[in-house]
Amino acid sequence: MLGLTDLTHYFCGMAENILILDFGSQYTQLIARRVRELNVYCEIHPYNNPPVITDNTKGVILSGGPCSVLDDDAPDIDLLPYTSKVPVLGICYGAQLMAHKEGGEVMPSRIREYGRAKLNKVDQHNALFKEIEVDTQVWMSHGDTITKLPKGFEVIASTESINVGAYKVKDEDIYGIQFHPEVTHTVHGKDILRNFVVHICKSTQDWTPDIFIESTIDQLKTQLGNDKVVMGLSGGVDSSVAATLVHRAIGANLYCIFVDNGLLRHHEFQDVLDSYQHMGLNVKGVDAKDRFYKALKGLSDPEEKRKAIGKTFIEVFDEEAHRIKDVKWLGQGTIYPDVIESISVKGPSATIKSHHNVGGLPDFMKLKVVEPLNTLFKDEVRLVGKNLEIDDVILGRHPFPGPGLGIRILGDVTPDKVKILQEVDHIFITGLKEYGLYQDVWQALAVLLPVQSVGVMGDERTYENVVSLRAVSSLDGMTADWCHLPYEFLADMSNKIINSVKGVNRVVYDISSKPPATIEWE
């Protein structure tokens, strides 16, 4: 199995890297994203399962976290293997932990700081705050405060509320900051991270899409040799980029399968097949609509629907894979956030919703797994795809869930309901493109509600379906805000949908953000 461990060893063995130890902060992935935006490779590992640093580890960042260092069961770690070898930056909890372990005093804050604050004192001679001005805005999120620093520690930044806004250990490259440089509300946060990662850690900024492509293809050639790989495609960014990388490595030994589960968008099955033919991929389309509809018959619970879709997909895919002689590998478009989630600080998070591509393969498939993208974030996947010259139609495509429209039809799924939602979705997505709004939206979707409402068409009373339109802005789907689409556009969409789609007489617009809502309704 070519998983995270193998790729981590490969990249860390050849590339400089920054190690991020996760103490449970909601912002940990943002730290990694900001570091990678500096073209420096980094990895997130849980504090309770840290790796051994290598000669190529240039520095360590300790994340924030929801706990207090004063708690009896507070997350703890022996920091000496890191502080004795490389520069270390503690953020929020990480800063408090280092101070606390060295004999400093951390106390519950008399005045808690949550949100925006300003640094009213900054040691601009310090390497961490090079070119950072006094009164720069930072983002705070803490209930404890470092009230007394250990011997040998010195304050290098303060706010009006707290004296120890940031500190440095004298004569050592060990730093702690109470605020979060990774969030955009810290105006010069990226500059502070650049000062640490590039100037203090002296990292070479060579983590680029071209380097990733070259090293990944070489690794795939070594790993796969002359073996055959089968891969399920979806028409989305991740599977398309992953398939292209594997194809570059092994050519005709890659066999791709695209399953029509009857829950795709309007004309999507043929459109996707056509797009893959232009990419030179060997793709077989499988029409399994009736099989999925049969598996979904009578199911209304979201988890039951997802599991039925996932089970049927695996069965169909396994049957098709067995038609390929001597196939040994399954290619997947798993990306880094999926990997991080599976090895999180507290173990796999509580299940919000399951997905048929997450959780591994049933034993009967007997295939090893290759995941060429499992060190990349979503935006990095798109950059790699662009350098691979994959069509912008695929790279710019909005995320689409594996279970498809099956989780956008609330309640039971029938072919008639799928047809209604396909037509509604087609009008909405086409409209976004015609109005020049599609690229401004991270994800757009339509939902068929299990609600009927009274309406009037002509002189007749109707009692038909309600659909909800949803469009959100986001960086990676972890958080999202609803898009403020123009009223004129929404009015046009409502009018076209009601007039064109038989069975719909009311259109609503979802203005919920994530959290507390999720992007999808199921």
Protein backbone atom coordinates (compact mmCIF):
# COMPACT_ATOMS: atom_id res chain seq x y z
CA MET A 1 0.00 0.00 0.00
CA LEU A 2 1.40 3.38 -1.02
CA GLY A 3 -0.02 5.49 1.78
CA LEU A 4 0.95 8.49 3.87
CA THR A 5 3.88 6.72 5.52
CA ASP A 6 5.51 5.83 2.20
CA LEU A 7 5.06 9.24 0.63
CA THR A 8 6.11 10.99 3.82
CA HIS A 9 9.32 8.98 3.89
CA TYR A 10 9.89 9.71 0.22
CA PHE A 11 9.36 13.44 0.40
CA CYS A 12 11.03 13.93 3.77
CA GLY A 13 13.96 11.90 2.54
CA MET A 14 14.47 14.25 -0.39
CA ALA A 15 12.91 17.60 0.51
CA GLU A 16 13.30 20.06 3.34
CA ASN A 17 10.25 20.19 5.55
CA ILE A 18 8.60 21.90 8.48
CA LEU A 19 6.95 19.65 11.07
CA ILE A 20 3.65 20.84 12.57
CA LEU A 21 2.57 19.15 15.80
CA ASP A 22 -1.19 19.31 16.21
CA PHE A 23 -2.66 19.91 19.66
CA GLY A 24 -6.23 19.98 18.38
CA SER A 25 -6.63 23.52 17.08
CA GLN A 26 -9.35 24.22 14.54
CA TYR A 27 -6.74 26.27 12.69
CA THR A 28 -3.98 23.63 12.36
CA GLN A 29 -4.66 22.95 8.68
CA LEU A 30 -4.46 26.68 8.02
CA ILE A 31 -0.93 26.72 9.44
CA ALA A 32 0.09 24.09 6.91
CA ARG A 33 -1.63 25.91 4.07
CA ARG A 34 0.18 29.16 4.90
CA VAL A 35 3.55 27.41 5.10
CA ARG A 36 2.99 25.70 1.75
CA GLU A 37 1.98 29.03 0.22
CA LEU A 38 5.61 29.95 0.94
CA ASN A 39 6.64 26.98 -1.29
CA VAL A 40 7.93 25.08 1.73
CA TYR A 41 6.83 21.48 2.30
CA CYS A 42 5.30 20.75 5.72
CA GLU A 43 3.42 17.97 7.44
CA ILE A 44 0.90 17.80 10.27
CA HIS A 45 1.26 15.07 12.88
CA PRO A 46 -0.69 14.61 16.15
CA TYR A 47 1.30 15.61 19.22
CA ASN A 48 0.70 12.15 20.73
CA ASN A 49 2.20 10.34 17.73
CA PRO A 50 5.06 12.55 16.55
CA PRO A 51 7.62 11.40 13.99
CA VAL A 52 11.36 11.41 14.51
CA ILE A 53 12.80 14.48 12.86
CA THR A 54 15.29 13.97 10.06
CA ASP A 55 18.25 15.96 8.82
CA ASN A 56 15.86 17.68 6.41
CA THR A 57 13.50 18.87 9.16
CA LYS A 58 14.19 22.59 9.23
CA GLY A 59 11.86 23.59 12.04
CA VAL A 60 8.86 22.70 14.20
CA ILE A 61 5.59 24.55 14.77
CA LEU A 62 3.42 23.72 17.80
CA SER A 63 -0.23 24.41 17.06
CA GLY A 64 -2.89 25.88 19.28
CA GLY A 65 -5.51 23.74 20.95
CA PRO A 66 -8.78 23.82 22.90
CA CYS A 67 -7.28 22.68 26.24
CA SER A 68 -5.59 24.57 29.03
CA VAL A 69 -2.08 23.65 30.15
CA LEU A 70 -3.53 23.81 33.67
CA ASP A 71 -5.85 20.85 33.03
CA ASP A 72 -4.91 17.56 34.68
CA ASP A 73 -5.07 15.78 31.35
CA ALA A 74 -3.60 18.60 29.27
CA PRO A 75 -1.81 17.49 26.08
CA ASP A 76 1.90 17.23 26.77
CA ILE A 77 5.05 16.23 24.91
CA ASP A 78 8.79 16.05 25.48
CA LEU A 79 10.02 19.05 23.53
CA LEU A 80 13.76 18.52 24.02
CA PRO A 81 14.18 16.34 20.87
CA TYR A 82 12.94 19.36 18.89
CA THR A 83 14.17 22.42 20.78
CA SER A 84 17.69 20.97 20.98
CA LYS A 85 17.94 20.49 17.22
CA VAL A 86 15.82 22.93 15.21
CA PRO A 87 13.99 26.26 15.59
CA VAL A 88 10.59 25.96 17.27
CA LEU A 89 7.55 28.25 17.10
CA GLY A 90 4.70 27.76 19.57
CA ILE A 91 1.32 29.22 18.65
CA CYS A 92 -1.23 29.93 21.42
CA TYR A 93 -1.41 26.61 23.34
CA GLY A 94 1.99 25.68 21.93
CA ALA A 95 3.48 28.90 23.32
CA GLN A 96 1.82 28.39 26.72
CA LEU A 97 3.02 24.77 26.87
CA MET A 98 6.66 25.70 26.31
CA ALA A 99 6.52 28.47 28.93
CA HIS A 100 4.68 26.26 31.44
CA LYS A 101 7.12 23.33 31.05
CA GLU A 102 10.12 25.61 31.67
CA GLY A 103 8.72 26.99 34.94
CA GLY A 104 6.74 29.97 33.69
CA GLU A 105 3.32 30.91 35.02
CA VAL A 106 0.16 30.45 32.98
CA MET A 107 -3.11 31.61 34.52
CA PRO A 108 -6.75 31.98 33.44
CA SER A 109 -7.05 35.40 31.80
CA ARG A 110 -8.64 38.22 33.76
CA ILE A 111 -9.54 39.78 30.43
CA ARG A 112 -9.97 37.13 27.78
CA GLU A 113 -8.96 38.03 24.25
CA TYR A 114 -11.08 36.60 21.46
CA GLY A 115 -10.95 38.24 18.07
CA ARG A 116 -9.02 41.22 16.83
CA ALA A 117 -6.28 42.87 18.88
CA LYS A 118 -3.33 45.13 18.13
CA LEU A 119 0.31 44.73 19.02
CA ASN A 120 1.16 47.98 20.81
CA LYS A 121 4.74 46.86 21.44
CA VAL A 122 6.87 45.02 18.88
CA ASP A 123 10.60 44.25 18.96
CA GLN A 124 11.31 44.94 15.32
CA HIS A 125 14.95 43.99 15.78
CA ASN A 126 13.85 40.43 16.46
CA ALA A 127 13.99 38.13 13.44
CA LEU A 128 10.41 36.90 13.95
CA PHE A 129 9.00 40.44 13.75
CA LYS A 130 11.23 41.80 11.04
CA GLU A 131 9.32 44.57 9.17
CA ILE A 132 6.22 44.07 11.38
CA GLU A 133 4.88 47.47 12.43
CA VAL A 134 3.55 48.54 15.82
CA ASP A 135 -0.27 48.52 15.97
CA THR A 136 -0.51 45.68 13.47
CA GLN A 137 -3.75 43.71 13.83
CA VAL A 138 -3.61 40.13 15.10
CA TRP A 139 -6.25 37.49 15.89
CA MET A 140 -6.51 36.20 19.44
CA SER A 141 -8.37 33.14 20.73
CA HIS A 142 -7.33 32.17 24.25
CA GLY A 143 -8.68 31.82 27.79
CA ASP A 144 -5.28 31.55 29.52
CA THR A 145 -2.44 34.05 29.67
CA ILE A 146 1.29 33.70 30.27
CA THR A 147 1.68 35.91 33.34
CA LYS A 148 5.33 35.13 34.09
CA LEU A 149 8.03 33.97 31.71
CA PRO A 150 10.69 31.41 32.68
CA LYS A 151 14.25 32.49 33.21
CA GLY A 152 15.97 33.16 29.90
CA PHE A 153 12.74 34.08 28.09
CA GLU A 154 12.10 37.63 26.89
CA VAL A 155 8.99 39.47 25.69
CA ILE A 156 9.14 40.53 22.04
CA ALA A 157 5.53 41.72 21.52
CA SER A 158 2.59 42.85 23.65
CA THR A 159 -1.01 44.01 23.33
CA GLU A 160 -2.90 46.44 25.56
CA SER A 161 -4.44 43.48 27.41
CA ILE A 162 -1.49 41.09 27.76
CA ASN A 163 2.18 41.71 28.27
CA VAL A 164 3.41 38.43 26.81
CA GLY A 165 1.95 38.64 23.34
CA ALA A 166 5.08 36.91 22.04
CA TYR A 167 8.39 35.74 23.48
CA LYS A 168 11.82 34.41 22.52
CA VAL A 169 14.26 32.23 24.41
CA LYS A 170 17.54 34.14 24.68
CA ASP A 171 20.32 32.87 22.43
CA GLU A 172 18.04 30.18 20.97
CA ASP A 173 15.67 30.08 18.00
CA ILE A 174 12.68 29.22 20.17
CA TYR A 175 9.62 31.45 19.95
CA GLY A 176 6.09 31.62 21.28
CA ILE A 177 3.21 33.80 20.09
CA GLN A 178 -0.16 34.15 21.78
CA PHE A 179 -2.05 35.05 18.59
CA HIS A 180 -2.80 33.08 15.41
CA PRO A 181 -0.67 34.15 12.40
CA GLU A 182 -2.33 31.54 10.17
CA VAL A 183 -5.74 33.27 10.00
CA THR A 184 -6.33 36.09 7.55
CA HIS A 185 -7.48 38.42 10.36
CA THR A 186 -3.84 38.62 11.46
CA VAL A 187 -2.91 41.14 8.83
CA HIS A 188 0.80 40.32 8.61
CA GLY A 189 0.50 36.72 9.74
CA LYS A 190 1.99 35.33 6.56
CA ASP A 191 4.97 37.68 6.92
CA ILE A 192 5.55 36.42 10.47
CA LEU A 193 5.39 32.81 9.28
CA ARG A 194 7.75 33.69 6.42
CA ASN A 195 10.20 35.19 8.91
CA PHE A 196 10.15 31.96 10.90
CA VAL A 197 10.04 29.38 8.12
CA VAL A 198 12.31 31.05 5.55
CA HIS A 199 14.63 33.34 7.50
CA ILE A 200 14.94 31.64 10.90
CA CYS A 201 14.61 28.00 9.76
CA LYS A 202 16.42 28.81 6.50
CA SER A 203 14.08 26.65 4.44
CA THR A 204 14.59 26.55 0.69
CA GLN A 205 11.38 27.54 -1.07
CA ASP A 206 11.37 24.72 -3.59
CA TRP A 207 8.04 22.97 -2.91
CA THR A 208 6.37 23.71 -6.24
CA PRO A 209 3.84 21.92 -8.46
CA ASP A 210 6.57 21.03 -10.95
CA ILE A 211 8.75 19.47 -8.25
CA PHE A 212 5.75 17.53 -6.93
CA ILE A 213 4.85 16.25 -10.40
CA GLU A 214 8.39 15.16 -11.21
CA SER A 215 9.03 13.43 -7.87
CA THR A 216 5.59 11.79 -7.74
CA ILE A 217 5.82 10.34 -11.23
CA ASP A 218 9.30 8.96 -10.46
CA GLN A 219 8.00 7.44 -7.23
CA LEU A 220 4.97 5.92 -8.98
CA LYS A 221 7.20 4.36 -11.62
CA THR A 222 9.31 2.76 -8.91
CA GLN A 223 6.34 1.67 -6.81
CA LEU A 224 4.12 0.31 -9.58
CA GLY A 225 6.64 -1.01 -12.09
CA ASN A 226 4.73 -2.96 -14.74
CA ASP A 227 1.71 -3.61 -12.49
CA LYS A 228 -1.80 -2.76 -13.61
CA VAL A 229 -3.84 -0.13 -11.76
CA VAL A 230 -7.61 0.29 -11.80
CA MET A 231 -9.13 3.61 -10.82
CA GLY A 232 -12.64 4.91 -10.36
CA LEU A 233 -13.17 8.35 -11.89
CA SER A 234 -15.83 10.88 -10.99
CA GLY A 235 -15.21 13.79 -13.33
CA GLY A 236 -13.96 15.83 -10.36
CA VAL A 237 -10.62 17.52 -9.77
CA ASP A 238 -9.04 15.02 -7.39
CA SER A 239 -9.63 11.79 -9.30
CA SER A 240 -8.77 13.46 -12.62
CA VAL A 241 -5.42 14.80 -11.40
CA ALA A 242 -4.59 11.53 -9.64
CA ALA A 243 -5.39 9.54 -12.78
CA THR A 244 -3.26 11.83 -14.94
CA LEU A 245 -0.25 11.38 -12.65
CA VAL A 246 -0.62 7.59 -12.65
CA HIS A 247 -1.11 7.63 -16.43
CA ARG A 248 2.10 9.64 -16.87
CA ALA A 249 3.90 7.00 -14.82
CA ILE A 250 2.53 3.73 -16.25
CA GLY A 251 0.63 4.64 -19.42
CA ALA A 252 -1.64 1.90 -20.78
CA ASN A 253 -1.41 -0.10 -17.54
CA LEU A 254 -3.93 2.31 -16.00
CA TYR A 255 -7.57 1.24 -16.43
CA CYS A 256 -10.21 3.80 -15.46
CA ILE A 257 -13.86 3.14 -14.69
CA PHE A 258 -16.60 5.74 -14.58
CA VAL A 259 -19.83 4.47 -13.04
CA ASP A 260 -23.19 6.05 -13.84
CA ASN A 261 -25.02 5.60 -10.55
CA GLY A 262 -28.12 7.38 -11.81
CA LEU A 263 -27.37 10.24 -9.41
CA LEU A 264 -25.17 12.35 -11.66
CA ARG A 265 -25.98 15.77 -13.02
CA HIS A 266 -27.83 16.45 -16.27
CA HIS A 267 -25.98 14.72 -19.18
CA GLU A 268 -22.94 14.37 -16.93
CA PHE A 269 -22.16 10.74 -17.76
CA GLN A 270 -21.51 11.38 -21.44
CA ASP A 271 -19.93 14.80 -20.88
CA VAL A 272 -17.38 13.36 -18.47
CA LEU A 273 -16.57 10.42 -20.72
CA ASP A 274 -15.98 12.84 -23.60
CA SER A 275 -13.66 15.02 -21.51
CA TYR A 276 -11.56 12.03 -20.46
CA GLN A 277 -11.17 10.84 -24.06
CA HIS A 278 -9.54 14.18 -24.86
CA MET A 279 -7.06 13.55 -22.01
CA GLY A 280 -5.91 10.24 -23.50
CA LEU A 281 -7.13 8.18 -20.55
CA ASN A 282 -8.43 4.66 -21.05
CA VAL A 283 -11.90 5.00 -19.51
CA LYS A 284 -14.79 2.55 -19.50
CA GLY A 285 -18.26 3.89 -18.75
CA VAL A 286 -20.63 1.61 -16.82
CA ASP A 287 -24.37 2.23 -16.78
CA ALA A 288 -25.57 0.97 -13.38
CA LYS A 289 -28.49 3.34 -12.78
CA ASP A 290 -31.12 0.66 -12.21
CA ARG A 291 -28.92 -1.19 -9.77
CA PHE A 292 -28.45 1.90 -7.61
CA TYR A 293 -32.14 2.82 -7.73
CA LYS A 294 -33.00 -0.69 -6.57
CA ALA A 295 -30.54 -0.44 -3.67
CA LEU A 296 -32.01 2.93 -2.64
CA LYS A 297 -35.65 1.93 -2.88
CA GLY A 298 -37.54 2.82 0.30
CA LEU A 299 -34.52 4.39 2.09
CA SER A 300 -34.93 7.85 3.61
CA ASP A 301 -32.24 8.03 6.30
CA PRO A 302 -29.16 9.91 4.99
CA GLU A 303 -26.64 7.43 6.42
CA GLU A 304 -28.57 4.44 5.09
CA LYS A 305 -28.64 6.04 1.64
CA ARG A 306 -24.91 6.77 1.71
CA LYS A 307 -24.10 3.24 2.79
CA ALA A 308 -26.36 1.75 0.12
CA ILE A 309 -24.72 3.91 -2.54
CA GLY A 310 -21.24 3.07 -1.27
CA LYS A 311 -21.93 -0.67 -1.07
CA THR A 312 -23.40 -0.75 -4.56
CA PHE A 313 -20.54 1.28 -5.97
CA ILE A 314 -17.98 -1.15 -4.53
CA GLU A 315 -19.90 -4.13 -5.90
CA VAL A 316 -20.13 -2.64 -9.40
CA PHE A 317 -16.55 -1.43 -9.34
CA ASP A 318 -15.27 -4.80 -8.09
CA GLU A 319 -17.08 -6.64 -10.87
CA GLU A 320 -15.58 -4.35 -13.49
CA ALA A 321 -12.11 -4.53 -11.93
CA HIS A 322 -12.23 -8.34 -12.12
CA ARG A 323 -12.71 -8.07 -15.88
CA ILE A 324 -9.18 -6.67 -16.04
CA LYS A 325 -6.64 -9.47 -15.90
CA ASP A 326 -3.94 -9.36 -13.20
CA VAL A 327 -4.80 -5.91 -11.79
CA LYS A 328 -2.96 -5.34 -8.50
CA TRP A 329 -3.57 -1.73 -7.48
CA LEU A 330 -6.49 0.59 -6.84
CA GLY A 331 -5.83 4.27 -7.52
CA GLN A 332 -7.63 6.83 -5.38
CA GLY A 333 -7.84 10.62 -5.32
CA THR A 334 -7.48 10.88 -1.53
CA ILE A 335 -6.15 14.31 -0.52
CA TYR A 336 -4.30 15.46 2.60
CA PRO A 337 -7.28 16.72 4.66
CA ASP A 338 -8.77 13.19 4.46
CA VAL A 339 -5.51 11.75 5.79
CA ILE A 340 -5.24 14.32 8.58
CA GLU A 341 -8.79 13.55 9.67
CA SER A 342 -8.03 9.83 9.93
CA ILE A 343 -5.01 10.40 12.20
CA SER A 344 -6.34 13.33 14.23
CA VAL A 345 -5.28 14.11 17.79
CA LYS A 346 -8.31 12.37 19.28
CA GLY A 347 -8.58 9.67 16.62
CA PRO A 348 -11.10 9.79 13.80
CA SER A 349 -13.64 12.51 14.43
CA ALA A 350 -17.25 11.73 15.17
CA THR A 351 -19.00 10.72 11.99
CA ILE A 352 -20.94 13.64 10.53
CA LYS A 353 -21.54 11.75 7.31
CA SER A 354 -19.92 8.76 5.69
CA HIS A 355 -18.55 8.52 2.18
CA HIS A 356 -17.91 5.48 0.05
CA ASN A 357 -14.34 6.54 -0.76
CA VAL A 358 -13.35 6.84 2.90
CA GLY A 359 -12.60 3.98 5.23
CA GLY A 360 -10.68 1.58 3.03
CA LEU A 361 -11.65 -1.40 0.92
CA PRO A 362 -13.49 -4.59 1.79
CA ASP A 363 -11.18 -7.58 2.16
CA PHE A 364 -12.58 -9.34 -0.88
CA MET A 365 -11.15 -6.76 -3.29
CA LYS A 366 -7.56 -7.78 -2.47
CA LEU A 367 -6.03 -4.67 -4.08
CA LYS A 368 -3.20 -2.51 -2.84
CA VAL A 369 -3.94 1.22 -2.76
CA VAL A 370 -2.02 4.02 -4.46
CA GLU A 371 -2.91 7.60 -3.48
CA PRO A 372 -0.66 10.06 -5.33
CA LEU A 373 -2.38 13.16 -3.93
CA ASN A 374 -2.48 12.31 -0.24
CA THR A 375 0.10 14.95 0.65
CA LEU A 376 -1.77 17.80 -1.08
CA PHE A 377 -4.50 20.24 -0.11
CA LYS A 378 -7.33 20.96 -2.56
CA ASP A 379 -5.87 24.20 -3.88
CA GLU A 380 -2.52 22.46 -4.42
CA VAL A 381 -4.26 19.72 -6.39
CA ARG A 382 -5.67 22.38 -8.73
CA LEU A 383 -2.22 23.93 -9.16
CA VAL A 384 -0.74 20.53 -10.00
CA GLY A 385 -3.60 19.94 -12.45
CA LYS A 386 -2.90 23.26 -14.11
CA ASN A 387 0.77 22.36 -14.56
CA LEU A 388 -0.33 19.01 -15.99
CA GLU A 389 -2.38 21.05 -18.50
CA ILE A 390 -5.67 19.46 -17.51
CA ASP A 391 -8.67 21.25 -19.00
CA ASP A 392 -9.97 24.21 -16.98
CA VAL A 393 -13.48 22.75 -17.30
CA ILE A 394 -12.37 19.95 -14.99
CA LEU A 395 -10.06 21.98 -12.74
CA GLY A 396 -12.66 24.69 -12.20
CA ARG A 397 -15.50 22.27 -11.54
CA HIS A 398 -17.32 22.71 -8.26
CA PRO A 399 -17.00 19.87 -5.73
CA PHE A 400 -19.62 17.17 -6.23
CA PRO A 401 -20.27 14.49 -3.58
CA GLY A 402 -19.64 10.82 -4.31
CA PRO A 403 -23.26 9.88 -3.50
CA GLY A 404 -24.32 12.60 -5.97
CA LEU A 405 -27.91 13.76 -6.08
CA GLY A 406 -28.84 10.90 -3.75
CA ILE A 407 -28.02 13.14 -0.78
CA ARG A 408 -29.59 16.21 -2.36
CA ILE A 409 -32.97 14.52 -2.54
CA LEU A 410 -34.20 14.60 1.04
CA GLY A 411 -36.12 11.46 1.83
CA ASP A 412 -36.44 8.50 -0.52
CA VAL A 413 -34.85 8.55 -3.96
CA THR A 414 -36.78 7.69 -7.13
CA PRO A 415 -35.95 8.11 -10.83
CA ASP A 416 -38.68 10.76 -11.14
CA LYS A 417 -37.21 12.81 -8.29
CA VAL A 418 -33.74 12.50 -9.80
CA LYS A 419 -35.05 13.81 -13.11
CA ILE A 420 -36.65 16.84 -11.40
CA LEU A 421 -33.49 17.68 -9.49
CA GLN A 422 -31.26 17.20 -12.54
CA GLU A 423 -33.32 19.76 -14.45
CA VAL A 424 -33.31 22.23 -11.55
CA ASP A 425 -29.57 21.81 -11.00
CA HIS A 426 -28.87 22.25 -14.72
CA ILE A 427 -30.77 25.53 -14.86
CA PHE A 428 -28.99 26.82 -11.73
CA ILE A 429 -25.44 25.84 -12.78
CA THR A 430 -25.96 27.04 -16.35
CA GLY A 431 -27.30 30.32 -15.01
CA LEU A 432 -24.27 30.86 -12.79
CA LYS A 433 -22.02 30.41 -15.82
CA GLU A 434 -24.10 32.67 -18.07
CA TYR A 435 -24.11 35.43 -15.44
CA GLY A 436 -20.33 35.10 -14.90
CA LEU A 437 -20.82 33.99 -11.30
CA TYR A 438 -19.68 30.37 -11.45
CA GLN A 439 -16.00 31.05 -10.68
CA ASP A 440 -16.97 33.32 -7.76
CA VAL A 441 -18.75 30.41 -6.07
CA TRP A 442 -16.88 27.55 -4.38
CA GLN A 443 -19.82 25.16 -4.57
CA ALA A 444 -23.37 25.48 -5.84
CA LEU A 445 -26.17 22.94 -5.58
CA ALA A 446 -29.89 22.41 -5.60
CA VAL A 447 -31.83 20.36 -3.05
CA LEU A 448 -35.22 18.71 -3.54
CA LEU A 449 -37.10 19.08 -0.27
CA PRO A 450 -39.63 16.57 1.09
CA VAL A 451 -42.13 19.42 1.18
CA GLN A 452 -44.99 20.38 -1.08
CA SER A 453 -46.58 23.77 -1.14
CA VAL A 454 -49.64 25.40 -2.60
CA GLY A 455 -49.20 27.48 -5.72
CA VAL A 456 -51.16 28.99 -8.57
CA MET A 457 -50.31 28.48 -12.23
CA GLY A 458 -52.70 30.16 -14.60
CA ASP A 459 -56.09 29.78 -12.97
CA GLU A 460 -55.29 26.43 -11.41
CA ARG A 461 -54.25 25.57 -7.88
CA THR A 462 -51.07 23.48 -7.66
CA TYR A 463 -49.58 21.42 -4.86
CA GLU A 464 -46.05 20.65 -5.88
CA ASN A 465 -42.41 20.41 -4.77
CA VAL A 466 -40.13 22.96 -3.15
CA VAL A 467 -36.46 23.19 -4.14
CA SER A 468 -33.69 25.02 -2.33
CA LEU A 469 -30.74 26.62 -4.12
CA ARG A 470 -27.43 26.90 -2.26
CA ALA A 471 -24.17 28.63 -3.16
CA VAL A 472 -21.22 29.03 -0.79
CA SER A 473 -17.81 30.63 -0.74
CA SER A 474 -14.93 28.78 0.89
CA LEU A 475 -11.22 27.95 0.64
CA ASP A 476 -11.41 24.23 1.30
CA GLY A 477 -14.89 23.37 2.52
CA MET A 478 -13.88 23.27 6.20
CA THR A 479 -15.81 26.48 6.75
CA ALA A 480 -18.12 28.24 4.30
CA ASP A 481 -20.29 31.30 4.01
CA TRP A 482 -23.37 31.67 1.83
CA CYS A 483 -22.89 33.70 -1.33
CA HIS A 484 -24.72 36.99 -1.69
CA LEU A 485 -25.90 36.35 -5.23
CA PRO A 486 -27.62 39.26 -7.02
CA TYR A 487 -31.39 39.46 -6.50
CA GLU A 488 -31.88 39.76 -10.25
CA PHE A 489 -30.07 36.46 -10.79
CA LEU A 490 -32.04 34.65 -8.09
CA ALA A 491 -35.31 36.01 -9.47
CA ASP A 492 -34.36 34.81 -12.96
CA MET A 493 -33.43 31.35 -11.68
CA SER A 494 -36.68 31.02 -9.73
CA ASN A 495 -38.72 32.05 -12.74
CA LYS A 496 -36.93 29.65 -15.12
CA ILE A 497 -37.11 26.71 -12.72
CA ILE A 498 -40.80 27.09 -11.94
CA ASN A 499 -41.71 27.63 -15.59
CA SER A 500 -39.47 24.86 -16.97
CA VAL A 501 -39.47 22.05 -14.43
CA LYS A 502 -42.71 20.18 -14.10
CA GLY A 503 -43.43 19.37 -10.46
CA VAL A 504 -41.80 22.45 -8.87
CA ASN A 505 -43.79 25.52 -7.83
CA ARG A 506 -41.56 27.13 -5.20
CA VAL A 507 -37.85 28.04 -5.02
CA VAL A 508 -36.02 29.12 -1.84
CA TYR A 509 -32.40 30.19 -1.24
CA ASP A 510 -30.31 28.76 1.61
CA ILE A 511 -28.50 31.47 3.64
CA SER A 512 -26.89 29.19 6.24
CA SER A 513 -23.14 29.22 6.88
CA LYS A 514 -20.84 26.35 7.89
CA PRO A 515 -20.72 25.99 10.83
CA PRO A 516 -23.34 25.51 12.18
CA ALA A 517 -24.85 24.06 8.98
CA THR A 518 -22.97 21.77 6.60
CA ILE A 519 -22.64 22.60 2.91
CA GLU A 520 -24.70 19.61 1.82
CA TRP A 521 -28.09 19.07 3.42
CA GLU A 522 -27.45 15.38 4.09
